Protein backbone atom coordinates (compact mmCIF):
# COMPACT_ATOMS: atom_id res chain seq x y z
CA UNK A 1 -13.57 6.09 -11.92
CA UNK A 2 -16.78 5.93 -9.89
CA UNK A 3 -19.76 3.91 -11.11
CA UNK A 4 -23.31 3.45 -9.84
CA UNK A 5 -25.15 0.21 -10.63
CA UNK A 6 -28.96 0.49 -10.40
CA UNK A 7 -30.24 -3.07 -10.90
CA UNK A 8 -32.98 -4.94 -9.01
CA UNK A 9 -31.49 -8.38 -9.67
CA UNK A 10 -29.22 -8.48 -6.63
CA UNK A 11 -27.09 -11.36 -7.91
CA UNK A 12 -26.45 -9.60 -11.22
CA UNK A 13 -25.84 -6.24 -9.53
CA UNK A 14 -23.24 -7.67 -7.16
CA UNK A 15 -21.56 -9.66 -9.95
CA UNK A 16 -21.21 -6.50 -12.06
CA UNK A 17 -19.99 -4.50 -9.07
CA UNK A 18 -17.41 -7.10 -8.08
CA UNK A 19 -16.11 -7.37 -11.64
CA UNK A 20 -15.73 -3.61 -11.94
CA UNK A 21 -14.03 -3.36 -8.54
CA UNK A 22 -11.44 -5.86 -9.72
CA UNK A 23 -10.75 -3.39 -12.53
CA UNK A 24 -9.96 -0.65 -9.98
CA UNK A 25 -13.29 1.15 -10.15
CA UNK A 26 -15.26 2.46 -7.17
CA UNK A 27 -18.76 1.02 -7.35
CA UNK A 28 -22.02 1.67 -5.47
CA UNK A 29 -25.14 -0.47 -5.89
CA UNK A 30 -28.86 0.36 -5.64
CA UNK A 31 -31.53 -2.33 -5.94
CA UNK A 32 -34.56 -0.16 -6.64
CA UNK A 33 -35.54 2.99 -8.51
CA UNK A 34 -35.93 5.49 -5.64
CA UNK A 35 -32.70 4.39 -3.97
CA UNK A 36 -30.85 4.61 -7.26
CA UNK A 37 -32.11 8.10 -7.99
CA UNK A 38 -31.14 9.32 -4.52
CA UNK A 39 -27.60 7.99 -4.88
CA UNK A 40 -27.29 9.39 -8.41
CA UNK A 41 -28.27 12.87 -7.25
CA UNK A 42 -26.23 12.82 -4.04
CA UNK A 43 -22.93 11.64 -5.52
CA UNK A 44 -20.68 12.53 -8.44
CA UNK A 45 -20.56 9.40 -10.63
CA UNK A 46 -18.70 9.10 -13.91
CA UNK A 47 -21.07 6.44 -15.26
CA UNK A 48 -24.46 5.13 -14.12
CA UNK A 49 -25.58 1.64 -15.19
CA UNK A 50 -29.35 1.92 -15.17
CA UNK A 51 -31.68 -1.06 -15.50
CA UNK A 52 -34.85 -0.01 -17.25
CA UNK A 53 -37.36 -2.19 -15.40
CA UNK A 54 -36.97 -1.28 -11.73
CA UNK A 55 -39.29 -1.55 -8.72
CA UNK A 56 -40.53 1.69 -7.24
CA UNK A 57 -39.56 3.90 -10.16
CA UNK A 58 -39.03 3.04 -13.83
CA UNK A 59 -35.60 3.54 -15.33
CA UNK A 60 -37.03 5.94 -17.91
CA UNK A 61 -38.30 8.18 -15.09
CA UNK A 62 -34.92 8.11 -13.38
CA UNK A 63 -33.12 9.00 -16.60
CA UNK A 64 -35.51 11.88 -17.28
CA UNK A 65 -35.07 13.19 -13.73
CA UNK A 66 -31.28 13.09 -14.04
CA UNK A 67 -31.48 15.14 -17.24
CA UNK A 68 -33.87 17.65 -15.63
CA UNK A 69 -31.61 18.20 -12.62
CA UNK A 70 -28.51 18.66 -14.78
CA UNK A 71 -26.73 15.52 -13.62
CA UNK A 72 -23.42 15.22 -15.50
CA UNK A 73 -23.05 11.45 -15.10
CA UNK A 74 -23.14 9.35 -18.27
CA UNK A 75 -26.01 6.85 -18.35
CA UNK A 76 -25.72 3.34 -19.79
CA UNK A 77 -29.20 1.82 -19.87
CA UNK A 78 -29.52 -1.94 -19.39
CA UNK A 79 -32.64 -3.86 -20.40
CA UNK A 80 -33.87 -7.33 -21.24
CA UNK A 81 -35.74 -5.84 -24.22
CA UNK A 82 -33.69 -5.45 -27.36
CA UNK A 83 -36.00 -4.15 -30.08
CA UNK A 84 -35.21 -1.08 -32.14
CA UNK A 85 -38.18 0.67 -30.51
CA UNK A 86 -36.69 0.10 -27.05
CA UNK A 87 -33.32 1.37 -28.24
CA UNK A 88 -34.87 4.51 -29.68
CA UNK A 89 -36.94 5.10 -26.54
CA UNK A 90 -33.96 4.67 -24.23
CA UNK A 91 -31.72 7.03 -26.16
CA UNK A 92 -34.59 9.44 -26.74
CA UNK A 93 -35.08 10.12 -23.04
CA UNK A 94 -31.44 11.00 -22.51
CA UNK A 95 -29.47 7.78 -22.02
CA UNK A 96 -25.96 8.00 -23.47
CA UNK A 97 -25.80 4.34 -24.48
CA UNK A 98 -27.94 1.22 -24.44
CA UNK A 99 -26.98 -2.40 -23.76
CA UNK A 100 -29.47 -5.30 -24.05
CA UNK A 101 -29.27 -8.24 -21.64
CA UNK A 102 -27.66 -10.71 -21.63
CA UNK A 103 -24.31 -9.09 -22.38
CA UNK A 104 -20.67 -10.09 -22.23
CA UNK A 105 -18.80 -8.47 -19.36
CA UNK A 106 -15.89 -7.25 -21.56
CA UNK A 107 -18.44 -5.46 -23.74
CA UNK A 108 -19.92 -3.77 -20.66
CA UNK A 109 -16.46 -2.66 -19.54
CA UNK A 110 -15.70 -1.28 -23.00
CA UNK A 111 -18.97 0.69 -23.02
CA UNK A 112 -18.24 2.09 -19.54
CA UNK A 113 -14.77 3.14 -20.64
CA UNK A 114 -16.12 4.87 -23.73
CA UNK A 115 -18.69 6.77 -21.67
CA UNK A 116 -16.14 7.72 -19.02
CA UNK A 117 -14.04 9.35 -21.72
CA UNK A 118 -17.04 11.60 -22.37
CA UNK A 119 -17.54 12.35 -18.67
CA UNK A 120 -16.37 15.36 -16.63
CA UNK A 121 -13.64 16.11 -17.42
CA UNK A 122 -13.13 13.88 -20.45
CA UNK A 123 -10.55 11.22 -19.65
CA UNK A 124 -8.41 10.14 -22.63
CA UNK A 125 -7.57 6.44 -23.07
CA UNK A 126 -3.92 7.13 -22.14
CA UNK A 127 -2.59 9.65 -19.62
CA UNK A 128 1.10 10.61 -19.63
CA UNK A 129 3.40 12.66 -17.43
CA UNK A 130 7.09 12.31 -18.16
CA UNK A 131 7.93 8.63 -17.96
CA UNK A 132 4.62 7.80 -16.27
CA UNK A 133 1.94 6.20 -18.46
CA UNK A 134 -1.58 5.33 -17.30
CA UNK A 135 -3.78 3.22 -19.58
CA UNK A 136 -7.30 4.17 -18.47
CA UNK A 137 -8.92 1.61 -20.75
CA UNK A 138 -6.93 -1.40 -19.51
CA UNK A 139 -6.60 0.09 -15.98
CA UNK A 140 -2.81 -0.31 -15.98
CA UNK A 141 0.02 2.05 -15.02
CA UNK A 142 3.74 2.10 -15.88
CA UNK A 143 6.72 4.22 -14.92
CA UNK A 144 9.83 4.08 -17.07
CA UNK A 145 8.35 0.94 -18.63
CA UNK A 146 7.96 -0.74 -15.23
CA UNK A 147 4.44 -1.95 -14.35
CA UNK A 148 3.10 -0.42 -11.14
CA UNK A 149 1.18 -2.70 -8.77
CA UNK A 150 -1.49 -0.25 -7.63
CA UNK A 151 -4.57 -0.88 -5.52
CA UNK A 152 -7.91 0.29 -6.97
CA UNK A 153 -7.87 3.43 -4.82
CA UNK A 154 -4.24 4.25 -5.68
CA UNK A 155 -5.01 3.86 -9.36
CA UNK A 156 -8.14 6.01 -9.05
CA UNK A 157 -6.25 8.81 -7.29
CA UNK A 158 -3.46 8.76 -9.88
CA UNK A 159 -5.96 8.73 -12.76
CA UNK A 160 -7.90 11.71 -11.36
CA UNK A 161 -4.78 13.76 -10.60
CA UNK A 162 -3.34 13.18 -14.08
CA UNK A 163 -6.67 13.91 -15.77
CA UNK A 164 -6.86 17.21 -13.84
CA UNK A 165 -3.76 18.43 -15.77
CA UNK A 166 -2.05 20.31 -12.97
CA UNK A 167 -5.22 21.51 -11.25
CA UNK A 168 -5.17 21.15 -7.48
CA UNK A 169 -7.60 18.43 -6.40
CA UNK A 170 -8.90 18.58 -2.84
CA UNK A 171 -9.00 15.58 -0.53
CA UNK A 172 -12.79 15.96 -0.49
CA UNK A 173 -13.00 15.66 -4.28
CA UNK A 174 -10.69 12.65 -4.29
CA UNK A 175 -12.84 10.98 -1.65
CA UNK A 176 -16.02 11.67 -3.62
CA UNK A 177 -14.71 10.60 -7.02
CA UNK A 178 -12.52 7.60 -6.10
CA UNK A 179 -14.11 6.02 -3.01
CA UNK A 180 -17.57 4.50 -2.67
CA UNK A 181 -20.41 5.72 -0.46
CA UNK A 182 -19.10 3.84 2.58
CA UNK A 183 -15.89 5.90 2.82
CA UNK A 184 -15.44 7.75 6.10
CA UNK A 185 -15.02 11.48 5.30
CA UNK A 186 -13.32 12.08 8.66
CA UNK A 187 -10.59 9.48 8.23
CA UNK A 188 -7.05 9.91 6.91
CA UNK A 189 -7.69 7.47 4.06
CA UNK A 190 -6.82 9.94 1.27
CA UNK A 191 -3.59 11.04 2.95
CA UNK A 192 -2.59 7.43 3.56
CA UNK A 193 -3.36 6.43 -0.04
CA UNK A 194 -1.36 9.38 -1.40
CA UNK A 195 1.60 8.37 0.77
CA UNK A 196 1.53 4.77 -0.49
CA UNK A 197 1.10 5.92 -4.08
CA UNK A 198 4.12 8.21 -3.83
CA UNK A 199 6.23 5.35 -2.53
CA UNK A 200 5.22 3.14 -5.47
CA UNK A 201 5.80 5.90 -8.03
CA UNK A 202 9.33 6.47 -6.75
CA UNK A 203 11.66 9.34 -7.71
CA UNK A 204 11.59 11.95 -9.00
CA UNK A 205 8.38 12.82 -7.11
CA UNK A 206 5.26 13.41 -9.19
CA UNK A 207 2.52 14.30 -6.69
CA UNK A 208 2.80 17.65 -4.93
CA UNK A 209 0.93 18.62 -1.77
CA UNK A 210 -0.62 22.09 -1.97
CA UNK A 211 -0.95 23.45 1.56
CA UNK A 212 -4.58 23.63 2.78
CA UNK A 213 -5.83 22.90 -0.76
CA UNK A 214 -5.06 19.33 -1.83
CA UNK A 215 -2.79 17.62 -4.33
CA UNK A 216 -1.64 18.06 -7.91
CA UNK A 217 0.70 16.59 -10.49
């Protein structure tokens, strides 16, 4: 799962990002409105956490622009205001959900998970393939009842491949959906991650390489 945090409070933004990364999510951070909008339009995020009061460009404007351009990312609006009028305004301009500050981190994670299950394509709370079970809500994976110790990138790759239901997923798509904006597109990072993931999954093999196309389950 890939998430964008647009929040001008740098300490809060980094705390949210670090917490989500520990839960095996790929996270980018923008500290102002224009930078956030650019990242949101340039990358394919599952969920965007959007602070409403931002320097340079108001969160409402960003949300409206995302809707106008057909952005498929789900938007969770964050704000210090918590009146019914603010809630109605936020949802009225196209936000998918609304969370007043301060909030408990587990609540934020639950809201992100709920929105991700409405993203593209919809990801169910549990993915299964034979004896492999991936709990997308708790960010845990098991094979034959054995817990798998996966890195965030390994988990993200497995989640995306399973959610694709047999569709071949290119290395470029994996890089865009699982890694953050600092990933090197010319490296062998996807191939290396796939190799490590296969070793942890064990036999019989689950991930198939499709020549010149990518990978599939």
